Amino acid sequence: MFLAQLEERQKAAFLVLADTIIRADGAVAHQESAMLAAMKAEMGLSDAVEPDGRSIGDAVSVFDTRPTKIAAMLELIGLSMADGHVHDREASALETLASAFGLPPVEFEVLRNWVVRQFALTREAAVLMAGEI
């Protein structure tokens, strides 16, 4: 949703952070892979593009404005929810990234709640489109 607005250097850094989230629980679910592929497409990247191996600290430092930090966090939270369950290790990784971005816990919770509401609205839209009302 927000990834197309990132600069090229931020897109590459985002892949490092996304990889951190989807691997945090030790397993990459099909839904996570599919969502990551959609994210790459949104950023105009080939599905074959892989994280460049930089450190998480280096990746975080590329997000140097508030809008890019918020965009990345919203997308990463959504990615953690792709398989329908946020594993404890994914939640911990998200909290670590939020802290690295300089976002206080209360702000992280606001972002998380926004994504939860967005997912609920997306599911509701699917029901409406299917005529299952």
C-alpha atoms as a PDB file:
ATOM      1  CA  MET A   1       0.000   0.000   0.000  1.00  0.00           C
ATOM      2  CA  PHE A   2       2.828   2.422   0.856  1.00  0.00           C
ATOM      3  CA  LEU A   3       5.886   0.722  -0.606  1.00  0.00           C
ATOM      4  CA  ALA A   4       5.808   2.319  -4.053  1.00  0.00           C
ATOM      5  CA  GLN A   5       6.593   5.641  -2.351  1.00  0.00           C
ATOM      6  CA  LEU A   6       9.937   4.422  -1.024  1.00  0.00           C
ATOM      7  CA  GLU A   7      13.219   5.364  -2.659  1.00  0.00           C
ATOM      8  CA  GLU A   8      15.210   2.564  -4.322  1.00  0.00           C
ATOM      9  CA  ARG A   9      17.664   2.375  -1.406  1.00  0.00           C
ATOM     10  CA  GLN A  10      14.739   2.055   1.012  1.00  0.00           C
ATOM     11  CA  LYS A  11      13.122  -0.674  -1.075  1.00  0.00           C
ATOM     12  CA  ALA A  12      16.281  -2.773  -0.836  1.00  0.00           C
ATOM     13  CA  ALA A  13      16.483  -2.113   2.907  1.00  0.00           C
ATOM     14  CA  PHE A  14      12.811  -3.001   3.335  1.00  0.00           C
ATOM     15  CA  LEU A  15      13.498  -6.469   1.894  1.00  0.00           C
ATOM     16  CA  VAL A  16      16.045  -7.060   4.664  1.00  0.00           C
ATOM     17  CA  LEU A  17      13.499  -6.066   7.309  1.00  0.00           C
ATOM     18  CA  ALA A  18      10.717  -8.093   5.689  1.00  0.00           C
ATOM     19  CA  ASP A  19      12.970 -11.136   5.554  1.00  0.00           C
ATOM     20  CA  THR A  20      13.702 -10.655   9.256  1.00  0.00           C
ATOM     21  CA  ILE A  21       9.987 -10.681  10.063  1.00  0.00           C
ATOM     22  CA  ILE A  22       8.975 -13.670   7.954  1.00  0.00           C
ATOM     23  CA  ARG A  23      11.882 -15.779   9.227  1.00  0.00           C
ATOM     24  CA  ALA A  24      11.526 -14.751  12.879  1.00  0.00           C
ATOM     25  CA  ASP A  25       9.392 -17.772  13.796  1.00  0.00           C
ATOM     26  CA  GLY A  26      11.652 -20.230  11.989  1.00  0.00           C
ATOM     27  CA  ALA A  27       9.176 -20.973   9.194  1.00  0.00           C
ATOM     28  CA  VAL A  28       8.063 -19.071   6.110  1.00  0.00           C
ATOM     29  CA  ALA A  29       4.352 -19.617   5.515  1.00  0.00           C
ATOM     30  CA  HIS A  30       2.944 -19.699   1.986  1.00  0.00           C
ATOM     31  CA  GLN A  31       0.880 -16.587   2.766  1.00  0.00           C
ATOM     32  CA  GLU A  32       4.004 -14.711   3.838  1.00  0.00           C
ATOM     33  CA  SER A  33       5.800 -15.640   0.628  1.00  0.00           C
ATOM     34  CA  ALA A  34       2.792 -14.565  -1.431  1.00  0.00           C
ATOM     35  CA  MET A  35       2.508 -11.254   0.411  1.00  0.00           C
ATOM     36  CA  LEU A  36       6.228 -10.604   0.020  1.00  0.00           C
ATOM     37  CA  ALA A  37       5.928 -11.271  -3.725  1.00  0.00           C
ATOM     38  CA  ALA A  38       3.067  -8.752  -3.894  1.00  0.00           C
ATOM     39  CA  MET A  39       5.163  -6.246  -1.963  1.00  0.00           C
ATOM     40  CA  LYS A  40       8.058  -6.686  -4.401  1.00  0.00           C
ATOM     41  CA  ALA A  41       5.672  -6.108  -7.294  1.00  0.00           C
ATOM     42  CA  GLU A  42       4.333  -2.954  -5.637  1.00  0.00           C
ATOM     43  CA  MET A  43       7.897  -1.686  -5.316  1.00  0.00           C
ATOM     44  CA  GLY A  44       8.592  -2.506  -8.972  1.00  0.00           C
ATOM     45  CA  LEU A  45      11.065  -5.236  -8.043  1.00  0.00           C
ATOM     46  CA  SER A  46      11.396  -8.631  -9.634  1.00  0.00           C
ATOM     47  CA  ASP A  47      10.204 -11.525  -7.503  1.00  0.00           C
ATOM     48  CA  ALA A  48      13.731 -12.922  -7.901  1.00  0.00           C
ATOM     49  CA  VAL A  49      15.269  -9.998  -5.960  1.00  0.00           C
ATOM     50  CA  GLU A  50      16.540 -11.161  -2.574  1.00  0.00           C
ATOM     51  CA  PRO A  51      17.663  -9.259   0.539  1.00  0.00           C
ATOM     52  CA  ASP A  52      21.175  -7.897   0.041  1.00  0.00           C
ATOM     53  CA  GLY A  53      22.614  -9.240   3.295  1.00  0.00           C
ATOM     54  CA  ARG A  54      23.092  -5.929   5.084  1.00  0.00           C
ATOM     55  CA  SER A  55      22.588  -5.811   8.830  1.00  0.00           C
ATOM     56  CA  ILE A  56      19.249  -4.908  10.348  1.00  0.00           C
ATOM     57  CA  GLY A  57      20.830  -1.768  11.809  1.00  0.00           C
ATOM     58  CA  ASP A  58      22.047  -0.681   8.382  1.00  0.00           C
ATOM     59  CA  ALA A  59      18.628  -1.396   6.875  1.00  0.00           C
ATOM     60  CA  VAL A  60      16.807   0.601   9.561  1.00  0.00           C
ATOM     61  CA  SER A  61      19.141   3.592   9.117  1.00  0.00           C
ATOM     62  CA  VAL A  62      18.024   4.033   5.500  1.00  0.00           C
ATOM     63  CA  PHE A  63      14.549   5.050   6.676  1.00  0.00           C
ATOM     64  CA  ASP A  64      15.443   8.613   7.555  1.00  0.00           C
ATOM     65  CA  THR A  65      12.052  10.327   7.605  1.00  0.00           C
ATOM     66  CA  ARG A  66       8.990   9.789   9.744  1.00  0.00           C
ATOM     67  CA  PRO A  67       6.741   8.911   6.757  1.00  0.00           C
ATOM     68  CA  THR A  68       9.131   6.196   5.539  1.00  0.00           C
ATOM     69  CA  LYS A  69       9.501   4.729   9.028  1.00  0.00           C
ATOM     70  CA  ILE A  70       5.728   4.613   9.494  1.00  0.00           C
ATOM     71  CA  ALA A  71       5.196   3.159   6.010  1.00  0.00           C
ATOM     72  CA  ALA A  72       7.760   0.428   6.653  1.00  0.00           C
ATOM     73  CA  MET A  73       6.307  -0.443  10.047  1.00  0.00           C
ATOM     74  CA  LEU A  74       2.728  -0.606   8.746  1.00  0.00           C
ATOM     75  CA  GLU A  75       3.828  -2.940   5.963  1.00  0.00           C
ATOM     76  CA  LEU A  76       5.944  -5.096   8.270  1.00  0.00           C
ATOM     77  CA  ILE A  77       3.101  -5.456  10.758  1.00  0.00           C
ATOM     78  CA  GLY A  78       0.829  -6.527   7.908  1.00  0.00           C
ATOM     79  CA  LEU A  79       3.411  -9.025   6.721  1.00  0.00           C
ATOM     80  CA  SER A  80       3.569 -10.551  10.196  1.00  0.00           C
ATOM     81  CA  MET A  81      -0.203 -11.082  10.043  1.00  0.00           C
ATOM     82  CA  ALA A  82      -0.196 -12.682   6.580  1.00  0.00           C
ATOM     83  CA  ASP A  83      -0.602 -16.240   7.844  1.00  0.00           C
ATOM     84  CA  GLY A  84      -3.370 -15.285  10.279  1.00  0.00           C
ATOM     85  CA  HIS A  85      -1.185 -15.504  13.378  1.00  0.00           C
ATOM     86  CA  VAL A  86       1.558 -13.262  14.723  1.00  0.00           C
ATOM     87  CA  HIS A  87       4.073 -15.565  16.351  1.00  0.00           C
ATOM     88  CA  ASP A  88       5.696 -14.353  19.572  1.00  0.00           C
ATOM     89  CA  ARG A  89       9.076 -14.109  17.822  1.00  0.00           C
ATOM     90  CA  GLU A  90       7.531 -12.034  15.012  1.00  0.00           C
ATOM     91  CA  ALA A  91       5.939  -9.729  17.589  1.00  0.00           C
ATOM     92  CA  SER A  92       9.281  -9.391  19.356  1.00  0.00           C
ATOM     93  CA  ALA A  93      11.073  -8.628  16.070  1.00  0.00           C
ATOM     94  CA  LEU A  94       8.469  -5.967  15.253  1.00  0.00           C
ATOM     95  CA  GLU A  95       8.917  -4.355  18.660  1.00  0.00           C
ATOM     96  CA  THR A  96      12.687  -4.355  18.170  1.00  0.00           C
ATOM     97  CA  LEU A  97      12.337  -2.696  14.759  1.00  0.00           C
ATOM     98  CA  ALA A  98       9.882  -0.120  16.090  1.00  0.00           C
ATOM     99  CA  SER A  99      12.369   0.740  18.806  1.00  0.00           C
ATOM    100  CA  ALA A 100      15.203   0.958  16.266  1.00  0.00           C
ATOM    101  CA  PHE A 101      13.049   3.376  14.246  1.00  0.00           C
ATOM    102  CA  GLY A 102      12.642   5.465  17.398  1.00  0.00           C
ATOM    103  CA  LEU A 103       8.921   4.746  17.737  1.00  0.00           C
ATOM    104  CA  PRO A 104       7.664   4.561  21.326  1.00  0.00           C
ATOM    105  CA  PRO A 105       5.631   1.491  22.358  1.00  0.00           C
ATOM    106  CA  VAL A 106       2.363   3.430  22.463  1.00  0.00           C
ATOM    107  CA  GLU A 107       2.872   4.558  18.859  1.00  0.00           C
ATOM    108  CA  PHE A 108       3.753   1.028  17.784  1.00  0.00           C
ATOM    109  CA  GLU A 109       0.468  -0.124  19.324  1.00  0.00           C
ATOM    110  CA  VAL A 110      -1.443   2.540  17.354  1.00  0.00           C
ATOM    111  CA  LEU A 111       0.164   1.263  14.131  1.00  0.00           C
ATOM    112  CA  ARG A 112      -0.570  -2.350  15.026  1.00  0.00           C
ATOM    113  CA  ASN A 113      -4.209  -1.526  15.744  1.00  0.00           C
ATOM    114  CA  TRP A 114      -4.511   0.293  12.421  1.00  0.00           C
ATOM    115  CA  VAL A 115      -3.254  -2.764  10.544  1.00  0.00           C
ATOM    116  CA  VAL A 116      -5.634  -5.058  12.456  1.00  0.00           C
ATOM    117  CA  ARG A 117      -8.546  -2.805  11.437  1.00  0.00           C
ATOM    118  CA  GLN A 118      -7.326  -2.703   7.836  1.00  0.00           C
ATOM    119  CA  PHE A 119      -7.177  -6.511   7.702  1.00  0.00           C
ATOM    120  CA  ALA A 120     -10.714  -6.717   9.111  1.00  0.00           C
ATOM    121  CA  LEU A 121     -11.993  -4.288   6.477  1.00  0.00           C
ATOM    122  CA  THR A 122     -10.270  -6.243   3.726  1.00  0.00           C
ATOM    123  CA  ARG A 123     -11.931  -9.464   4.899  1.00  0.00           C
ATOM    124  CA  GLU A 124     -15.282  -7.638   5.056  1.00  0.00           C
ATOM    125  CA  ALA A 125     -14.793  -6.399   1.489  1.00  0.00           C
ATOM    126  CA  ALA A 126     -14.133  -9.966   0.322  1.00  0.00           C
ATOM    127  CA  VAL A 127     -17.425 -11.072   1.891  1.00  0.00           C
ATOM    128  CA  LEU A 128     -19.264  -8.215   0.206  1.00  0.00           C
ATOM    129  CA  MET A 129     -17.745  -9.062  -3.181  1.00  0.00           C
ATOM    130  CA  ALA A 130     -18.666 -12.707  -2.785  1.00  0.00           C
ATOM    131  CA  GLY A 131     -22.268 -11.747  -2.028  1.00  0.00           C
ATOM    132  CA  GLU A 132     -22.176 -13.535   1.310  1.00  0.00           C
ATOM    133  CA  ILE A 133     -23.958 -10.819   3.263  1.00  0.00           C
END
